[in-house]
Amino acid sequence: METVLLRPREAAELLGLSRSQVYSLCRRGELPTVRIGASVRVPRRALEEWVARRATGLVPFTD
């Protein structure tokens, strides 16, 4: 069974980014997140959709 919520480290590994880049995307509200207390998690399905939107050119990557 796949994990529904990913830690930023796991999301970074899937995206091929550094953990700090993923935290930055989360802080800026660019990457969908769920907060559980002080923990930040990235919903796997939302991450996949986020990537798909950018892969089709509908939403540009920003940095």
PDB file of N, CA and C in Angstrom:
ATOM      1  N   MET A   1       0.847  -1.194   0.000  1.00  0.00           N
ATOM      2  CA  MET A   1       0.000   0.000   0.000  1.00  0.00           C
ATOM      3  C   MET A   1       0.886   1.249   0.000  1.00  0.00           C
ATOM      4  N   GLU A   2       0.558   2.186  -0.886  1.00  0.00           N
ATOM      5  CA  GLU A   2       1.317   3.424  -0.967  1.00  0.00           C
ATOM      6  C   GLU A   2       0.943   4.360   0.175  1.00  0.00           C
ATOM      7  N   THR A   3       1.933   5.108   0.616  1.00  0.00           N
ATOM      8  CA  THR A   3       1.711   6.116   1.645  1.00  0.00           C
ATOM      9  C   THR A   3       0.886   7.249   1.051  1.00  0.00           C
ATOM     10  N   VAL A   4      -0.153   7.659   1.763  1.00  0.00           N
ATOM     11  CA  VAL A   4      -1.030   8.730   1.277  1.00  0.00           C
ATOM     12  C   VAL A   4      -0.377  10.094   1.480  1.00  0.00           C
ATOM     13  N   LEU A   5       0.261  10.286   2.627  1.00  0.00           N
ATOM     14  CA  LEU A   5       0.923  11.552   2.934  1.00  0.00           C
ATOM     15  C   LEU A   5       2.429  11.334   2.992  1.00  0.00           C
ATOM     16  N   LEU A   6       3.156  12.157   2.273  1.00  0.00           N
ATOM     17  CA  LEU A   6       4.608  12.043   2.215  1.00  0.00           C
ATOM     18  C   LEU A   6       5.276  13.085   3.092  1.00  0.00           C
ATOM     19  N   ARG A   7       6.362  12.695   3.711  1.00  0.00           N
ATOM     20  CA  ARG A   7       7.209  13.672   4.397  1.00  0.00           C
ATOM     21  C   ARG A   7       7.909  14.487   3.315  1.00  0.00           C
ATOM     22  N   PRO A   8       8.297  15.729   3.625  1.00  0.00           N
ATOM     23  CA  PRO A   8       9.003  16.538   2.619  1.00  0.00           C
ATOM     24  C   PRO A   8      10.235  15.831   2.061  1.00  0.00           C
ATOM     25  N   ARG A   9      10.933  15.082   2.866  1.00  0.00           N
ATOM     26  CA  ARG A   9      12.110  14.333   2.402  1.00  0.00           C
ATOM     27  C   ARG A   9      11.711  13.330   1.321  1.00  0.00           C
ATOM     28  N   GLU A  10      10.581  12.647   1.532  1.00  0.00           N
ATOM     29  CA  GLU A  10      10.100  11.663   0.558  1.00  0.00           C
ATOM     30  C   GLU A  10       9.649  12.347  -0.733  1.00  0.00           C
ATOM     31  N   ALA A  11       8.959  13.488  -0.583  1.00  0.00           N
ATOM     32  CA  ALA A  11       8.527  14.244  -1.763  1.00  0.00           C
ATOM     33  C   ALA A  11       9.744  14.731  -2.545  1.00  0.00           C
ATOM     34  N   ALA A  12      10.778  15.166  -1.834  1.00  0.00           N
ATOM     35  CA  ALA A  12      12.002  15.633  -2.484  1.00  0.00           C
ATOM     36  C   ALA A  12      12.646  14.512  -3.281  1.00  0.00           C
ATOM     37  N   GLU A  13      12.685  13.314  -2.715  1.00  0.00           N
ATOM     38  CA  GLU A  13      13.274  12.173  -3.417  1.00  0.00           C
ATOM     39  C   GLU A  13      12.494  11.865  -4.693  1.00  0.00           C
ATOM     40  N   LEU A  14      11.169  11.903  -4.614  1.00  0.00           N
ATOM     41  CA  LEU A  14      10.343  11.621  -5.786  1.00  0.00           C
ATOM     42  C   LEU A  14      10.518  12.680  -6.874  1.00  0.00           C
ATOM     43  N   LEU A  15      10.684  13.921  -6.454  1.00  0.00           N
ATOM     44  CA  LEU A  15      10.812  15.024  -7.409  1.00  0.00           C
ATOM     45  C   LEU A  15      12.240  15.223  -7.903  1.00  0.00           C
ATOM     46  N   GLY A  16      13.203  14.619  -7.223  1.00  0.00           N
ATOM     47  CA  GLY A  16      14.597  14.843  -7.582  1.00  0.00           C
ATOM     48  C   GLY A  16      15.088  16.211  -7.153  1.00  0.00           C
ATOM     49  N   LEU A  17      14.515  16.723  -6.065  1.00  0.00           N
ATOM     50  CA  LEU A  17      14.887  18.030  -5.530  1.00  0.00           C
ATOM     51  C   LEU A  17      15.501  17.854  -4.145  1.00  0.00           C
ATOM     52  N   SER A  18      16.090  18.917  -3.638  1.00  0.00           N
ATOM     53  CA  SER A  18      16.590  18.871  -2.272  1.00  0.00           C
ATOM     54  C   SER A  18      15.423  19.068  -1.307  1.00  0.00           C
ATOM     55  N   ARG A  19      15.638  18.644  -0.094  1.00  0.00           N
ATOM     56  CA  ARG A  19      14.614  18.814   0.930  1.00  0.00           C
ATOM     57  C   ARG A  19      14.321  20.292   1.154  1.00  0.00           C
ATOM     58  N   SER A  20      15.360  21.124   1.134  1.00  0.00           N
ATOM     59  CA  SER A  20      15.140  22.557   1.354  1.00  0.00           C
ATOM     60  C   SER A  20      14.327  23.180   0.226  1.00  0.00           C
ATOM     61  N   GLN A  21      14.498  22.700  -1.010  1.00  0.00           N
ATOM     62  CA  GLN A  21      13.691  23.213  -2.124  1.00  0.00           C
ATOM     63  C   GLN A  21      12.221  22.863  -1.920  1.00  0.00           C
ATOM     64  N   VAL A  22      11.957  21.653  -1.445  1.00  0.00           N
ATOM     65  CA  VAL A  22      10.571  21.237  -1.199  1.00  0.00           C
ATOM     66  C   VAL A  22       9.973  22.070  -0.067  1.00  0.00           C
ATOM     67  N   TYR A  23      10.724  22.288   1.012  1.00  0.00           N
ATOM     68  CA  TYR A  23      10.216  23.131   2.098  1.00  0.00           C
ATOM     69  C   TYR A  23       9.929  24.539   1.602  1.00  0.00           C
ATOM     70  N   SER A  24      10.768  25.049   0.723  1.00  0.00           N
ATOM     71  CA  SER A  24      10.551  26.386   0.168  1.00  0.00           C
ATOM     72  C   SER A  24       9.262  26.431  -0.656  1.00  0.00           C
ATOM     73  N   LEU A  25       9.034  25.419  -1.486  1.00  0.00           N
ATOM     74  CA  LEU A  25       7.789  25.340  -2.265  1.00  0.00           C
ATOM     75  C   LEU A  25       6.579  25.269  -1.336  1.00  0.00           C
ATOM     76  N   CYS A  26       6.712  24.539  -0.247  1.00  0.00           N
ATOM     77  CA  CYS A  26       5.615  24.430   0.723  1.00  0.00           C
ATOM     78  C   CYS A  26       5.338  25.774   1.386  1.00  0.00           C
ATOM     79  N   ARG A  27       6.406  26.448   1.827  1.00  0.00           N
ATOM     80  CA  ARG A  27       6.256  27.741   2.501  1.00  0.00           C
ATOM     81  C   ARG A  27       5.591  28.764   1.607  1.00  0.00           C
ATOM     82  N   ARG A  28       5.947  28.735   0.307  1.00  0.00           N
ATOM     83  CA  ARG A  28       5.370  29.705  -0.640  1.00  0.00           C
ATOM     84  C   ARG A  28       3.967  29.324  -1.083  1.00  0.00           C
ATOM     85  N   GLY A  29       3.490  28.164  -0.653  1.00  0.00           N
ATOM     86  CA  GLY A  29       2.149  27.732  -1.010  1.00  0.00           C
ATOM     87  C   GLY A  29       2.063  27.172  -2.426  1.00  0.00           C
ATOM     88  N   GLU A  30       3.199  26.883  -3.049  1.00  0.00           N
ATOM     89  CA  GLU A  30       3.204  26.356  -4.407  1.00  0.00           C
ATOM     90  C   GLU A  30       2.956  24.857  -4.441  1.00  0.00           C
ATOM     91  N   LEU A  31       3.388  24.176  -3.414  1.00  0.00           N
ATOM     92  CA  LEU A  31       3.215  22.731  -3.319  1.00  0.00           C
ATOM     93  C   LEU A  31       2.104  22.451  -2.313  1.00  0.00           C
ATOM     94  N   PRO A  32       1.137  21.616  -2.666  1.00  0.00           N
ATOM     95  CA  PRO A  32       0.032  21.330  -1.750  1.00  0.00           C
ATOM     96  C   PRO A  32       0.537  20.609  -0.498  1.00  0.00           C
ATOM     97  N   THR A  33       0.061  21.050   0.646  1.00  0.00           N
ATOM     98  CA  THR A  33       0.485  20.439   1.914  1.00  0.00           C
ATOM     99  C   THR A  33      -0.688  20.232   2.854  1.00  0.00           C
ATOM    100  N   VAL A  34      -0.448  19.365   3.816  1.00  0.00           N
ATOM    101  CA  VAL A  34      -1.372  19.135   4.931  1.00  0.00           C
ATOM    102  C   VAL A  34      -0.556  19.302   6.194  1.00  0.00           C
ATOM    103  N   ARG A  35      -1.049  20.098   7.121  1.00  0.00           N
ATOM    104  CA  ARG A  35      -0.355  20.266   8.407  1.00  0.00           C
ATOM    105  C   ARG A  35      -1.049  19.403   9.444  1.00  0.00           C
ATOM    106  N   ILE A  36      -0.242  18.663  10.180  1.00  0.00           N
ATOM    107  CA  ILE A  36      -0.731  17.855  11.292  1.00  0.00           C
ATOM    108  C   ILE A  36       0.103  18.277  12.488  1.00  0.00           C
ATOM    109  N   GLY A  37      -0.466  19.163  13.293  1.00  0.00           N
ATOM    110  CA  GLY A  37       0.318  19.752  14.369  1.00  0.00           C
ATOM    111  C   GLY A  37       1.459  20.545  13.763  1.00  0.00           C
ATOM    112  N   ALA A  38       2.686  20.249  14.181  1.00  0.00           N
ATOM    113  CA  ALA A  38       3.856  20.935  13.645  1.00  0.00           C
ATOM    114  C   ALA A  38       4.404  20.245  12.400  1.00  0.00           C
ATOM    115  N   SER A  39       3.861  19.103  12.049  1.00  0.00           N
ATOM    116  CA  SER A  39       4.359  18.334  10.903  1.00  0.00           C
ATOM    117  C   SER A  39       3.734  18.809   9.596  1.00  0.00           C
ATOM    118  N   VAL A  40       4.537  18.773   8.556  1.00  0.00           N
ATOM    119  CA  VAL A  40       4.075  19.109   7.209  1.00  0.00           C
ATOM    120  C   VAL A  40       4.118  17.824   6.394  1.00  0.00           C
ATOM    121  N   ARG A  41       3.039  17.553   5.684  1.00  0.00           N
ATOM    122  CA  ARG A  41       2.983  16.387   4.808  1.00  0.00           C
ATOM    123  C   ARG A  41       2.475  16.830   3.444  1.00  0.00           C
ATOM    124  N   VAL A  42       2.926  16.105   2.426  1.00  0.00           N
ATOM    125  CA  VAL A  42       2.516  16.388   1.051  1.00  0.00           C
ATOM    126  C   VAL A  42       1.648  15.228   0.592  1.00  0.00           C
ATOM    127  N   PRO A  43       0.380  15.476   0.265  1.00  0.00           N
ATOM    128  CA  PRO A  43      -0.474  14.394  -0.229  1.00  0.00           C
ATOM    129  C   PRO A  43       0.061  13.847  -1.559  1.00  0.00           C
ATOM    130  N   ARG A  44       0.256  12.543  -1.622  1.00  0.00           N
ATOM    131  CA  ARG A  44       0.832  11.907  -2.820  1.00  0.00           C
ATOM    132  C   ARG A  44       0.020  12.242  -4.074  1.00  0.00           C
ATOM    133  N   ARG A  45      -1.273  12.114  -4.015  1.00  0.00           N
ATOM    134  CA  ARG A  45      -2.111  12.367  -5.198  1.00  0.00           C
ATOM    135  C   ARG A  45      -2.008  13.829  -5.640  1.00  0.00           C
ATOM    136  N   ALA A  46      -2.018  14.744  -4.678  1.00  0.00           N
ATOM    137  CA  ALA A  46      -1.899  16.166  -5.012  1.00  0.00           C
ATOM    138  C   ALA A  46      -0.532  16.460  -5.621  1.00  0.00           C
ATOM    139  N   LEU A  47       0.510  15.778  -5.138  1.00  0.00           N
ATOM    140  CA  LEU A  47       1.847  15.956  -5.691  1.00  0.00           C
ATOM    141  C   LEU A  47       1.889  15.479  -7.145  1.00  0.00           C
ATOM    142  N   GLU A  48       1.289  14.333  -7.404  1.00  0.00           N
ATOM    143  CA  GLU A  48       1.245  13.799  -8.765  1.00  0.00           C
ATOM    144  C   GLU A  48       0.484  14.737  -9.696  1.00  0.00           C
ATOM    145  N   GLU A  49      -0.620  15.302  -9.224  1.00  0.00           N
ATOM    146  CA  GLU A  49      -1.399  16.242 -10.028  1.00  0.00           C
ATOM    147  C   GLU A  49      -0.616  17.533 -10.252  1.00  0.00           C
ATOM    148  N   TRP A  50       0.098  17.979  -9.231  1.00  0.00           N
ATOM    149  CA  TRP A  50       0.923  19.188  -9.303  1.00  0.00           C
ATOM    150  C   TRP A  50       1.965  19.027 -10.401  1.00  0.00           C
ATOM    151  N   VAL A  51       2.625  17.878 -10.430  1.00  0.00           N
ATOM    152  CA  VAL A  51       3.633  17.599 -11.449  1.00  0.00           C
ATOM    153  C   VAL A  51       2.970  17.514 -12.831  1.00  0.00           C
ATOM    154  N   ALA A  52       1.844  16.838 -12.932  1.00  0.00           N
ATOM    155  CA  ALA A  52       1.171  16.672 -14.220  1.00  0.00           C
ATOM    156  C   ALA A  52       0.769  18.023 -14.817  1.00  0.00           C
ATOM    157  N   ARG A  53       0.271  18.937 -13.983  1.00  0.00           N
ATOM    158  CA  ARG A  53      -0.112  20.268 -14.485  1.00  0.00           C
ATOM    159  C   ARG A  53       1.097  20.995 -15.054  1.00  0.00           C
ATOM    160  N   ARG A  54       2.234  20.869 -14.398  1.00  0.00           N
ATOM    161  CA  ARG A  54       3.431  21.543 -14.866  1.00  0.00           C
ATOM    162  C   ARG A  54       4.018  20.847 -16.088  1.00  0.00           C
ATOM    163  N   ALA A  55       3.879  19.536 -16.174  1.00  0.00           N
ATOM    164  CA  ALA A  55       4.408  18.784 -17.315  1.00  0.00           C
ATOM    165  C   ALA A  55       3.662  19.116 -18.592  1.00  0.00           C
ATOM    166  N   THR A  56       2.398  19.496 -18.482  1.00  0.00           N
ATOM    167  CA  THR A  56       1.616  19.844 -19.661  1.00  0.00           C
ATOM    168  C   THR A  56       1.802  21.304 -20.049  1.00  0.00           C
ATOM    169  N   GLY A  57       2.541  22.052 -19.228  1.00  0.00           N
ATOM    170  CA  GLY A  57       2.799  23.451 -19.535  1.00  0.00           C
ATOM    171  C   GLY A  57       1.689  24.380 -19.094  1.00  0.00           C
ATOM    172  N   LEU A  58       0.699  23.864 -18.370  1.00  0.00           N
ATOM    173  CA  LEU A  58      -0.395  24.715 -17.923  1.00  0.00           C
ATOM    174  C   LEU A  58       0.038  25.670 -16.818  1.00  0.00           C
ATOM    175  N   VAL A  59       0.974  25.214 -15.995  1.00  0.00           N
ATOM    176  CA  VAL A  59       1.465  26.050 -14.899  1.00  0.00           C
ATOM    177  C   VAL A  59       2.984  26.051 -14.960  1.00  0.00           C
ATOM    178  N   PRO A  60       3.617  27.209 -15.094  1.00  0.00           N
ATOM    179  CA  PRO A  60       5.072  27.230 -15.199  1.00  0.00           C
ATOM    180  C   PRO A  60       5.736  26.957 -13.846  1.00  0.00           C
ATOM    181  N   PHE A  61       6.918  26.354 -13.886  1.00  0.00           N
ATOM    182  CA  PHE A  61       7.718  26.206 -12.670  1.00  0.00           C
ATOM    183  C   PHE A  61       8.257  27.574 -12.309  1.00  0.00           C
ATOM    184  N   THR A  62       8.286  27.878 -11.041  1.00  0.00           N
ATOM    185  CA  THR A  62       8.871  29.141 -10.577  1.00  0.00           C
ATOM    186  C   THR A  62       9.881  28.827  -9.503  1.00  0.00           C
ATOM    187  N   ASP A  63      10.774  29.758  -9.286  1.00  0.00           N
ATOM    188  CA  ASP A  63      11.777  29.580  -8.231  1.00  0.00           C
ATOM    189  C   ASP A  63      12.208  30.884  -7.669  1.00  0.00           C
TER     190      ASP A  63
END
